[in-house]
């Protein structure tokens, strides 16, 4: 028995966009590929105009009244969408998390400090979670001091938020500290 592959993101995107005959609306607000308004037309008129230009009719805003369609090459439209989503992702920073314990070996602490430095150099924020278990809950001041010393050992790190307890966990978010000459 043959196993079916799950569709790729590109295939799912193609299915969700209505093109040419798949457009169900009767009247459409039609735009050219440069974005200029061509008028409100029936679906058949817009399709015939797109075919004479050798392009596709792509539904851009299906929830508008009437729906907006663009006369454009479908592959060009997919490329523009991919480029737009890629640019939107550029500005966002991802938050990575490191879990530490109060009584960790020096080697483990050094390894996690290195790892946090790598995350910061890659442009991510780092959430450090210090988990307290059992009798360690009575040593909250020691835990706070340990977390502050842990952060001070990481190069170019600054705390975005103050260390705060969330139940059994002491959390702080750190990010890359820009130097004044940069």
N, C-alpha and C. Protein backbone atom coordinates (compact mmCIF):
# COMPACT_ATOMS: atom_id res chain seq x y z
N UNK A 1 0.84 -1.18 0.00
CA UNK A 1 0.00 0.00 0.00
C UNK A 1 0.88 1.24 0.00
N UNK A 2 0.55 2.18 -0.86
CA UNK A 2 1.35 3.39 -0.99
C UNK A 2 0.96 4.42 0.04
N UNK A 3 1.95 5.06 0.59
CA UNK A 3 1.72 6.09 1.59
C UNK A 3 1.58 7.44 0.92
N UNK A 4 0.57 8.21 1.34
CA UNK A 4 0.37 9.53 0.75
C UNK A 4 1.23 10.55 1.48
N UNK A 5 1.87 11.39 0.73
CA UNK A 5 2.65 12.48 1.31
C UNK A 5 1.73 13.61 1.72
N UNK A 6 2.08 14.27 2.81
CA UNK A 6 1.30 15.44 3.19
C UNK A 6 1.73 16.60 2.29
N UNK A 7 0.80 17.46 1.94
CA UNK A 7 1.12 18.55 1.00
C UNK A 7 2.08 19.56 1.63
N UNK A 8 2.91 20.15 0.79
CA UNK A 8 3.86 21.16 1.26
C UNK A 8 3.13 22.47 1.53
N UNK A 9 3.82 23.41 2.16
CA UNK A 9 3.23 24.71 2.46
C UNK A 9 2.82 25.43 1.18
N UNK A 10 3.65 25.29 0.15
CA UNK A 10 3.35 25.95 -1.12
C UNK A 10 2.08 25.37 -1.75
N UNK A 11 1.93 24.03 -1.68
CA UNK A 11 0.74 23.41 -2.23
C UNK A 11 -0.51 23.82 -1.47
N UNK A 12 -0.40 23.91 -0.13
CA UNK A 12 -1.54 24.35 0.67
C UNK A 12 -1.91 25.79 0.35
N UNK A 13 -0.91 26.63 0.14
CA UNK A 13 -1.17 28.02 -0.21
C UNK A 13 -1.88 28.12 -1.56
N UNK A 14 -1.43 27.30 -2.53
CA UNK A 14 -2.05 27.31 -3.85
C UNK A 14 -3.52 26.90 -3.78
N UNK A 15 -3.83 25.94 -2.89
CA UNK A 15 -5.21 25.48 -2.77
C UNK A 15 -6.11 26.53 -2.13
N UNK A 16 -5.54 27.36 -1.26
CA UNK A 16 -6.36 28.31 -0.53
C UNK A 16 -6.64 29.59 -1.33
N UNK A 17 -5.93 29.80 -2.42
CA UNK A 17 -6.12 30.99 -3.25
C UNK A 17 -6.97 30.61 -4.45
N UNK A 18 -8.02 31.40 -4.69
CA UNK A 18 -8.89 31.13 -5.82
C UNK A 18 -8.37 31.84 -7.06
N UNK A 19 -8.21 31.07 -8.14
CA UNK A 19 -7.65 31.58 -9.39
C UNK A 19 -8.59 31.22 -10.53
N UNK A 20 -8.74 32.15 -11.47
CA UNK A 20 -9.52 31.96 -12.70
C UNK A 20 -10.91 31.38 -12.44
N UNK A 21 -11.22 30.17 -12.92
CA UNK A 21 -12.56 29.60 -12.81
C UNK A 21 -12.94 29.23 -11.38
N UNK A 22 -11.99 29.11 -10.47
CA UNK A 22 -12.31 28.75 -9.09
C UNK A 22 -12.93 29.92 -8.32
N UNK A 23 -12.83 31.13 -8.86
CA UNK A 23 -13.43 32.30 -8.21
C UNK A 23 -14.94 32.16 -8.28
N UNK A 24 -15.63 32.30 -7.14
CA UNK A 24 -17.06 32.03 -7.09
C UNK A 24 -17.92 33.30 -7.11
N UNK A 25 -17.33 34.44 -6.82
CA UNK A 25 -18.11 35.68 -6.76
C UNK A 25 -18.59 36.08 -8.15
N UNK A 26 -19.78 36.69 -8.20
CA UNK A 26 -20.34 37.12 -9.49
C UNK A 26 -19.73 38.41 -9.99
N UNK A 27 -19.54 39.39 -9.09
CA UNK A 27 -18.92 40.66 -9.46
C UNK A 27 -17.64 40.83 -8.67
N UNK A 28 -16.67 41.48 -9.30
CA UNK A 28 -15.35 41.65 -8.69
C UNK A 28 -14.86 43.07 -8.88
N UNK A 29 -14.11 43.54 -7.92
CA UNK A 29 -13.37 44.79 -8.05
C UNK A 29 -12.02 44.38 -8.63
N UNK A 30 -11.67 44.82 -9.81
CA UNK A 30 -10.51 44.31 -10.54
C UNK A 30 -9.37 45.33 -10.54
N UNK A 31 -8.17 44.81 -10.27
CA UNK A 31 -6.94 45.61 -10.27
C UNK A 31 -5.99 45.05 -11.31
N UNK A 32 -5.14 45.92 -11.87
CA UNK A 32 -4.11 45.44 -12.80
C UNK A 32 -2.92 44.92 -11.99
N UNK A 33 -1.92 44.37 -12.68
CA UNK A 33 -0.76 43.84 -11.95
C UNK A 33 0.09 44.95 -11.32
N UNK A 34 -0.06 46.20 -11.79
CA UNK A 34 0.63 47.33 -11.17
C UNK A 34 -0.15 47.87 -9.97
N UNK A 35 -1.42 47.44 -9.81
CA UNK A 35 -2.23 47.87 -8.68
C UNK A 35 -3.23 48.95 -9.01
N UNK A 36 -3.35 49.34 -10.30
CA UNK A 36 -4.31 50.39 -10.64
C UNK A 36 -5.71 49.79 -10.78
N UNK A 37 -6.71 50.54 -10.37
CA UNK A 37 -8.09 50.10 -10.37
C UNK A 37 -8.65 50.10 -11.79
N UNK A 38 -9.16 48.95 -12.22
CA UNK A 38 -9.72 48.82 -13.57
C UNK A 38 -11.24 48.92 -13.59
N UNK A 39 -11.88 48.75 -12.42
CA UNK A 39 -13.33 48.88 -12.35
C UNK A 39 -13.97 47.66 -11.72
N UNK A 40 -15.28 47.78 -11.51
CA UNK A 40 -16.06 46.65 -11.00
C UNK A 40 -16.65 45.93 -12.20
N UNK A 41 -16.33 44.64 -12.31
CA UNK A 41 -16.73 43.85 -13.49
C UNK A 41 -17.37 42.55 -13.04
N UNK A 42 -18.06 41.93 -13.97
CA UNK A 42 -18.55 40.58 -13.71
C UNK A 42 -17.36 39.61 -13.80
N UNK A 43 -17.52 38.46 -13.22
CA UNK A 43 -16.43 37.48 -13.21
C UNK A 43 -16.03 37.09 -14.63
N UNK A 44 -16.99 36.90 -15.50
CA UNK A 44 -16.71 36.48 -16.88
C UNK A 44 -15.95 37.57 -17.65
N UNK A 45 -16.33 38.84 -17.46
CA UNK A 45 -15.63 39.94 -18.13
C UNK A 45 -14.18 40.03 -17.65
N UNK A 46 -13.99 39.88 -16.34
CA UNK A 46 -12.64 39.94 -15.77
C UNK A 46 -11.78 38.78 -16.27
N UNK A 47 -12.39 37.59 -16.35
CA UNK A 47 -11.66 36.41 -16.86
C UNK A 47 -11.25 36.61 -18.32
N UNK A 48 -12.16 37.13 -19.14
CA UNK A 48 -11.84 37.32 -20.56
C UNK A 48 -10.74 38.39 -20.71
N UNK A 49 -10.78 39.43 -19.88
CA UNK A 49 -9.73 40.46 -19.94
C UNK A 49 -8.37 39.89 -19.52
N UNK A 50 -8.37 39.04 -18.50
CA UNK A 50 -7.12 38.42 -18.05
C UNK A 50 -6.56 37.50 -19.13
N UNK A 51 -7.43 36.77 -19.81
CA UNK A 51 -6.97 35.85 -20.87
C UNK A 51 -6.41 36.61 -22.06
N UNK A 52 -7.00 37.75 -22.41
CA UNK A 52 -6.48 38.53 -23.53
C UNK A 52 -5.09 39.07 -23.22
N UNK A 53 -4.83 39.36 -21.94
CA UNK A 53 -3.51 39.83 -21.55
C UNK A 53 -2.54 38.68 -21.30
N UNK A 54 -3.02 37.44 -21.32
CA UNK A 54 -2.18 36.27 -21.10
C UNK A 54 -1.80 36.09 -19.64
N UNK A 55 -2.66 36.57 -18.75
CA UNK A 55 -2.40 36.47 -17.31
C UNK A 55 -3.53 35.73 -16.61
N UNK A 56 -3.42 35.61 -15.30
CA UNK A 56 -4.44 34.94 -14.49
C UNK A 56 -5.25 35.96 -13.71
N UNK A 57 -6.44 35.58 -13.33
CA UNK A 57 -7.28 36.38 -12.44
C UNK A 57 -7.18 35.75 -11.06
N UNK A 58 -6.60 36.48 -10.12
CA UNK A 58 -6.34 35.95 -8.78
C UNK A 58 -7.17 36.74 -7.78
N UNK A 59 -7.93 36.03 -6.93
CA UNK A 59 -8.73 36.68 -5.90
C UNK A 59 -7.81 37.07 -4.75
N UNK A 60 -7.66 38.37 -4.51
CA UNK A 60 -6.72 38.89 -3.52
C UNK A 60 -7.38 39.09 -2.16
N UNK A 61 -8.57 39.69 -2.14
CA UNK A 61 -9.29 39.96 -0.90
C UNK A 61 -10.71 39.40 -1.02
N UNK A 62 -10.92 38.14 -0.65
CA UNK A 62 -12.23 37.51 -0.85
C UNK A 62 -13.32 38.05 0.07
N UNK A 63 -12.96 38.64 1.21
CA UNK A 63 -13.97 39.10 2.16
C UNK A 63 -14.45 40.52 1.91
N UNK A 64 -13.83 41.23 0.98
CA UNK A 64 -14.25 42.60 0.66
C UNK A 64 -15.59 42.56 -0.08
N UNK A 65 -16.27 43.68 -0.11
CA UNK A 65 -17.54 43.77 -0.83
C UNK A 65 -17.41 44.77 -1.96
N UNK A 66 -17.43 44.47 -3.21
CA UNK A 66 -17.28 43.12 -3.77
C UNK A 66 -15.84 42.63 -3.62
N UNK A 67 -15.61 41.31 -3.76
CA UNK A 67 -14.26 40.77 -3.61
C UNK A 67 -13.29 41.41 -4.60
N UNK A 68 -12.02 41.53 -4.16
CA UNK A 68 -11.00 42.16 -4.99
C UNK A 68 -10.21 41.07 -5.71
N UNK A 69 -10.05 41.25 -7.01
CA UNK A 69 -9.26 40.31 -7.82
C UNK A 69 -8.21 41.10 -8.59
N UNK A 70 -7.10 40.44 -8.85
CA UNK A 70 -5.99 41.10 -9.53
C UNK A 70 -5.65 40.31 -10.79
N UNK A 71 -5.40 41.03 -11.86
CA UNK A 71 -4.96 40.39 -13.11
C UNK A 71 -3.44 40.37 -13.06
N UNK A 72 -2.90 39.18 -12.83
CA UNK A 72 -1.46 39.02 -12.61
C UNK A 72 -1.08 37.58 -12.91
N UNK A 73 0.19 37.33 -13.20
CA UNK A 73 0.68 35.97 -13.35
C UNK A 73 0.64 35.31 -11.97
N UNK A 74 0.03 34.13 -11.86
CA UNK A 74 -0.17 33.47 -10.57
C UNK A 74 1.15 33.16 -9.86
N UNK A 75 2.14 32.71 -10.62
CA UNK A 75 3.44 32.40 -10.01
C UNK A 75 4.11 33.67 -9.48
N UNK A 76 3.94 34.78 -10.18
CA UNK A 76 4.48 36.06 -9.70
C UNK A 76 3.79 36.46 -8.40
N UNK A 77 2.48 36.23 -8.32
CA UNK A 77 1.73 36.54 -7.12
C UNK A 77 2.21 35.69 -5.93
N UNK A 78 2.44 34.39 -6.18
CA UNK A 78 2.95 33.51 -5.12
C UNK A 78 4.33 33.97 -4.65
N UNK A 79 5.17 34.40 -5.58
CA UNK A 79 6.50 34.90 -5.24
C UNK A 79 6.39 36.15 -4.36
N UNK A 80 5.48 37.07 -4.73
CA UNK A 80 5.30 38.29 -3.93
C UNK A 80 4.81 37.97 -2.52
N UNK A 81 3.91 36.99 -2.40
CA UNK A 81 3.42 36.59 -1.08
C UNK A 81 4.55 36.01 -0.23
N UNK A 82 5.37 35.14 -0.85
CA UNK A 82 6.48 34.53 -0.12
C UNK A 82 7.48 35.60 0.33
N UNK A 83 7.76 36.55 -0.54
CA UNK A 83 8.68 37.63 -0.21
C UNK A 83 8.14 38.49 0.93
N UNK A 84 6.85 38.75 0.90
CA UNK A 84 6.22 39.56 1.93
C UNK A 84 6.29 38.87 3.30
N UNK A 85 5.97 37.59 3.34
CA UNK A 85 6.02 36.86 4.61
C UNK A 85 7.44 36.73 5.12
N UNK A 86 8.41 36.60 4.22
CA UNK A 86 9.81 36.51 4.63
C UNK A 86 10.26 37.82 5.27
N UNK A 87 9.86 38.95 4.68
CA UNK A 87 10.22 40.26 5.24
C UNK A 87 9.54 40.50 6.59
N UNK A 88 8.32 39.98 6.77
CA UNK A 88 7.63 40.13 8.05
C UNK A 88 8.35 39.35 9.13
N UNK A 89 8.90 38.19 8.79
CA UNK A 89 9.60 37.37 9.77
C UNK A 89 10.95 37.96 10.17
N UNK A 90 11.54 38.77 9.29
CA UNK A 90 12.87 39.32 9.55
C UNK A 90 12.94 40.14 10.83
N UNK A 91 11.95 40.98 11.06
CA UNK A 91 11.99 41.89 12.19
C UNK A 91 11.71 41.25 13.53
N UNK A 92 11.13 40.07 13.54
CA UNK A 92 10.74 39.43 14.79
C UNK A 92 11.91 38.66 15.38
N UNK A 93 12.08 38.78 16.69
CA UNK A 93 13.11 38.00 17.37
C UNK A 93 12.44 36.83 18.08
N UNK A 94 13.11 35.73 18.04
CA UNK A 94 12.60 34.53 18.68
C UNK A 94 13.16 34.46 20.09
N UNK A 95 12.39 33.92 21.01
CA UNK A 95 12.84 33.75 22.38
C UNK A 95 13.20 32.30 22.61
N UNK A 96 14.43 32.07 23.00
CA UNK A 96 14.90 30.73 23.33
C UNK A 96 14.85 30.58 24.84
N UNK A 97 14.74 29.34 25.32
CA UNK A 97 14.67 29.13 26.76
C UNK A 97 15.76 28.18 27.22
N UNK A 98 16.38 28.53 28.34
CA UNK A 98 17.35 27.67 29.00
C UNK A 98 16.83 27.36 30.40
N UNK A 99 16.85 26.08 30.78
CA UNK A 99 16.41 25.67 32.10
C UNK A 99 17.64 25.33 32.93
N UNK A 100 17.72 25.93 34.10
CA UNK A 100 18.85 25.68 34.98
C UNK A 100 18.34 25.28 36.36
N UNK A 101 19.24 24.71 37.16
CA UNK A 101 18.92 24.32 38.54
C UNK A 101 19.81 25.07 39.50
N UNK A 102 19.40 25.12 40.75
CA UNK A 102 20.14 25.89 41.75
C UNK A 102 21.50 25.26 42.07
N UNK A 103 21.58 23.95 42.16
CA UNK A 103 22.83 23.28 42.50
C UNK A 103 23.36 22.51 41.29
N UNK A 104 23.82 23.26 40.28
CA UNK A 104 24.36 22.66 39.06
C UNK A 104 25.88 22.59 39.16
N UNK A 105 26.47 21.63 38.46
CA UNK A 105 27.92 21.52 38.41
C UNK A 105 28.48 22.70 37.61
N UNK A 106 29.72 23.09 37.91
CA UNK A 106 30.35 24.23 37.25
C UNK A 106 30.43 24.03 35.74
N UNK A 107 30.70 22.79 35.33
CA UNK A 107 30.82 22.49 33.90
C UNK A 107 29.48 22.74 33.20
N UNK A 108 28.38 22.31 33.82
CA UNK A 108 27.06 22.51 33.22
C UNK A 108 26.71 23.99 33.14
N UNK A 109 27.08 24.74 34.16
CA UNK A 109 26.83 26.18 34.17
C UNK A 109 27.61 26.84 33.03
N UNK A 110 28.88 26.45 32.86
CA UNK A 110 29.72 27.03 31.80
C UNK A 110 29.14 26.70 30.42
N UNK A 111 28.64 25.48 30.26
CA UNK A 111 28.06 25.06 28.98
C UNK A 111 26.82 25.89 28.67
N UNK A 112 25.96 26.11 29.66
CA UNK A 112 24.74 26.88 29.44
C UNK A 112 25.04 28.37 29.22
N UNK A 113 26.09 28.88 29.84
CA UNK A 113 26.50 30.27 29.61
C UNK A 113 26.95 30.44 28.16
N UNK A 114 27.74 29.46 27.66
CA UNK A 114 28.17 29.49 26.26
C UNK A 114 26.96 29.44 25.32
N UNK A 115 26.01 28.57 25.65
CA UNK A 115 24.82 28.39 24.81
C UNK A 115 23.99 29.68 24.78
N UNK A 116 23.84 30.32 25.92
CA UNK A 116 23.09 31.58 25.98
C UNK A 116 23.79 32.65 25.15
N UNK A 117 25.13 32.69 25.21
CA UNK A 117 25.89 33.65 24.40
C UNK A 117 25.69 33.42 22.91
N UNK A 118 25.62 32.15 22.50
CA UNK A 118 25.38 31.83 21.09
C UNK A 118 24.00 32.31 20.65
N UNK A 119 22.99 32.08 21.50
CA UNK A 119 21.64 32.52 21.17
C UNK A 119 21.60 34.04 21.03
N UNK A 120 22.27 34.75 21.93
CA UNK A 120 22.26 36.22 21.89
C UNK A 120 22.97 36.73 20.64
N UNK A 121 24.07 36.09 20.24
CA UNK A 121 24.79 36.51 19.03
C UNK A 121 23.96 36.26 17.78
N UNK A 122 23.09 35.24 17.81
CA UNK A 122 22.21 34.97 16.67
C UNK A 122 21.03 35.93 16.61
N UNK A 123 20.90 36.80 17.63
CA UNK A 123 19.85 37.80 17.61
C UNK A 123 18.59 37.41 18.35
N UNK A 124 18.63 36.32 19.11
CA UNK A 124 17.46 35.88 19.86
C UNK A 124 17.47 36.45 21.27
N UNK A 125 16.30 36.53 21.87
CA UNK A 125 16.22 36.79 23.30
C UNK A 125 16.29 35.44 24.00
N UNK A 126 16.74 35.44 25.26
CA UNK A 126 16.87 34.19 25.99
C UNK A 126 16.09 34.30 27.30
N UNK A 127 15.19 33.34 27.52
CA UNK A 127 14.47 33.26 28.78
C UNK A 127 15.19 32.21 29.62
N UNK A 128 15.66 32.61 30.79
CA UNK A 128 16.35 31.69 31.68
C UNK A 128 15.38 31.33 32.80
N UNK A 129 15.13 30.03 32.95
CA UNK A 129 14.21 29.54 33.97
C UNK A 129 14.99 28.73 34.98
N UNK A 130 14.96 29.16 36.23
CA UNK A 130 15.61 28.44 37.32
C UNK A 130 14.53 27.69 38.09
N UNK A 131 14.56 26.37 37.99
CA UNK A 131 13.54 25.53 38.61
C UNK A 131 13.97 25.15 40.01
N UNK A 132 13.09 25.31 40.97
CA UNK A 132 13.36 24.94 42.36
C UNK A 132 12.54 23.70 42.71
N UNK A 133 13.21 22.74 43.37
CA UNK A 133 12.54 21.49 43.73
C UNK A 133 12.68 21.24 45.22
N UNK A 134 11.62 20.78 45.82
CA UNK A 134 11.66 20.35 47.21
C UNK A 134 12.10 21.43 48.18
N UNK A 135 13.17 21.14 48.92
CA UNK A 135 13.68 22.06 49.94
C UNK A 135 14.32 23.31 49.35
N UNK A 136 14.61 23.28 48.06
CA UNK A 136 15.19 24.46 47.41
C UNK A 136 14.22 25.65 47.44
N UNK A 137 12.92 25.37 47.59
CA UNK A 137 11.93 26.44 47.63
C UNK A 137 12.14 27.38 48.82
N UNK A 138 12.79 26.90 49.85
CA UNK A 138 13.09 27.74 51.00
C UNK A 138 14.28 28.65 50.78
N UNK A 139 14.97 28.51 49.66
CA UNK A 139 16.18 29.30 49.38
C UNK A 139 15.97 30.24 48.20
N UNK A 140 14.88 30.98 48.23
CA UNK A 140 14.54 31.86 47.12
C UNK A 140 15.55 33.00 46.95
N UNK A 141 16.08 33.51 48.04
CA UNK A 141 17.09 34.59 47.94
C UNK A 141 18.38 34.06 47.32
N UNK A 142 18.78 32.83 47.69
CA UNK A 142 19.97 32.22 47.08
C UNK A 142 19.75 32.00 45.59
N UNK A 143 18.54 31.60 45.24
CA UNK A 143 18.21 31.36 43.83
C UNK A 143 18.31 32.65 43.03
N UNK A 144 17.80 33.75 43.59
CA UNK A 144 17.86 35.04 42.90
C UNK A 144 19.31 35.49 42.71
N UNK A 145 20.13 35.30 43.74
CA UNK A 145 21.55 35.67 43.66
C UNK A 145 22.27 34.80 42.62
N UNK A 146 21.95 33.49 42.59
CA UNK A 146 22.56 32.59 41.62
C UNK A 146 22.20 33.01 40.19
N UNK A 147 20.93 33.37 39.98
CA UNK A 147 20.48 33.77 38.65
C UNK A 147 21.16 35.06 38.20
N UNK A 148 21.31 36.02 39.11
CA UNK A 148 21.96 37.29 38.77
C UNK A 148 23.43 37.05 38.44
N UNK A 149 24.11 36.17 39.20
CA UNK A 149 25.52 35.88 38.89
C UNK A 149 25.64 35.12 37.57
N UNK A 150 24.64 34.27 37.26
CA UNK A 150 24.63 33.54 35.99
C UNK A 150 24.55 34.52 34.82
N UNK A 151 23.67 35.51 34.94
CA UNK A 151 23.51 36.51 33.87
C UNK A 151 24.77 37.35 33.73
N UNK A 152 25.41 37.68 34.84
CA UNK A 152 26.61 38.53 34.78
C UNK A 152 27.77 37.83 34.08
N UNK A 153 27.77 36.50 34.05
CA UNK A 153 28.84 35.75 33.39
C UNK A 153 28.67 35.68 31.87
N UNK A 154 27.47 36.00 31.38
CA UNK A 154 27.20 35.97 29.94
C UNK A 154 27.66 37.29 29.35
N UNK A 155 28.49 37.22 28.30
CA UNK A 155 29.02 38.43 27.66
C UNK A 155 27.91 39.20 26.95
N UNK A 156 27.94 40.52 27.07
CA UNK A 156 27.02 41.44 26.38
C UNK A 156 25.54 41.12 26.63
N UNK A 157 25.20 40.68 27.84
CA UNK A 157 23.81 40.37 28.16
C UNK A 157 23.24 41.40 29.11
N UNK A 158 21.99 41.77 28.87
CA UNK A 158 21.30 42.65 29.81
C UNK A 158 19.92 42.07 30.05
N UNK A 159 19.43 42.25 31.27
CA UNK A 159 18.12 41.72 31.63
C UNK A 159 17.03 42.64 31.08
N UNK A 160 16.11 42.07 30.35
CA UNK A 160 14.98 42.82 29.82
C UNK A 160 13.94 43.01 30.92
N UNK A 161 13.78 41.97 31.74
CA UNK A 161 12.81 42.03 32.84
C UNK A 161 13.51 41.61 34.13
N UNK A 162 12.94 42.02 35.23
CA UNK A 162 13.48 41.63 36.54
C UNK A 162 13.20 40.16 36.78
N UNK A 163 14.10 39.45 37.50
CA UNK A 163 13.81 38.05 37.85
C UNK A 163 12.55 37.99 38.70
N UNK A 164 11.61 37.15 38.30
CA UNK A 164 10.33 37.04 39.01
C UNK A 164 9.96 35.58 39.18
N UNK A 165 9.34 35.26 40.29
CA UNK A 165 8.89 33.90 40.56
C UNK A 165 7.53 33.66 39.92
N UNK A 166 7.41 32.52 39.27
CA UNK A 166 6.16 32.03 38.71
C UNK A 166 5.97 30.64 39.29
N UNK A 167 5.42 30.56 40.49
CA UNK A 167 5.28 29.27 41.16
C UNK A 167 6.64 28.78 41.64
N UNK A 168 7.08 27.66 41.14
CA UNK A 168 8.37 27.08 41.52
C UNK A 168 9.53 27.56 40.63
N UNK A 169 9.23 28.42 39.68
CA UNK A 169 10.22 28.81 38.68
C UNK A 169 10.56 30.29 38.81
N UNK A 170 11.86 30.59 38.81
CA UNK A 170 12.35 31.97 38.79
C UNK A 170 12.77 32.26 37.36
N UNK A 171 12.11 33.23 36.72
CA UNK A 171 12.37 33.50 35.30
C UNK A 171 12.87 34.90 35.08
N UNK A 172 13.73 35.03 34.05
CA UNK A 172 14.20 36.33 33.60
C UNK A 172 14.45 36.23 32.10
N UNK A 173 14.23 37.33 31.39
CA UNK A 173 14.49 37.39 29.95
C UNK A 173 15.67 38.31 29.74
N UNK A 174 16.65 37.84 28.94
CA UNK A 174 17.83 38.66 28.65
C UNK A 174 17.94 38.86 27.15
N UNK A 175 18.63 39.92 26.77
CA UNK A 175 18.87 40.18 25.35
C UNK A 175 20.28 40.74 25.20
N UNK A 176 20.68 40.94 23.95
CA UNK A 176 22.00 41.44 23.62
C UNK A 176 22.10 42.91 23.97
N UNK A 177 23.15 43.29 24.69
CA UNK A 177 23.36 44.69 25.07
C UNK A 177 24.29 45.34 24.06
N UNK A 178 23.78 46.37 23.37
CA UNK A 178 24.61 47.06 22.39
C UNK A 178 25.58 47.98 23.12
N UNK A 179 26.80 47.99 22.64
CA UNK A 179 27.81 48.86 23.24
C UNK A 179 27.65 50.28 22.67
N UNK A 180 28.16 51.26 23.37
CA UNK A 180 27.98 52.65 22.98
C UNK A 180 28.66 52.99 21.65
N UNK A 181 29.77 52.31 21.32
CA UNK A 181 30.48 52.64 20.08
C UNK A 181 29.89 51.93 18.86
N UNK A 182 28.87 51.10 19.05
CA UNK A 182 28.25 50.40 17.90
C UNK A 182 27.26 51.28 17.21
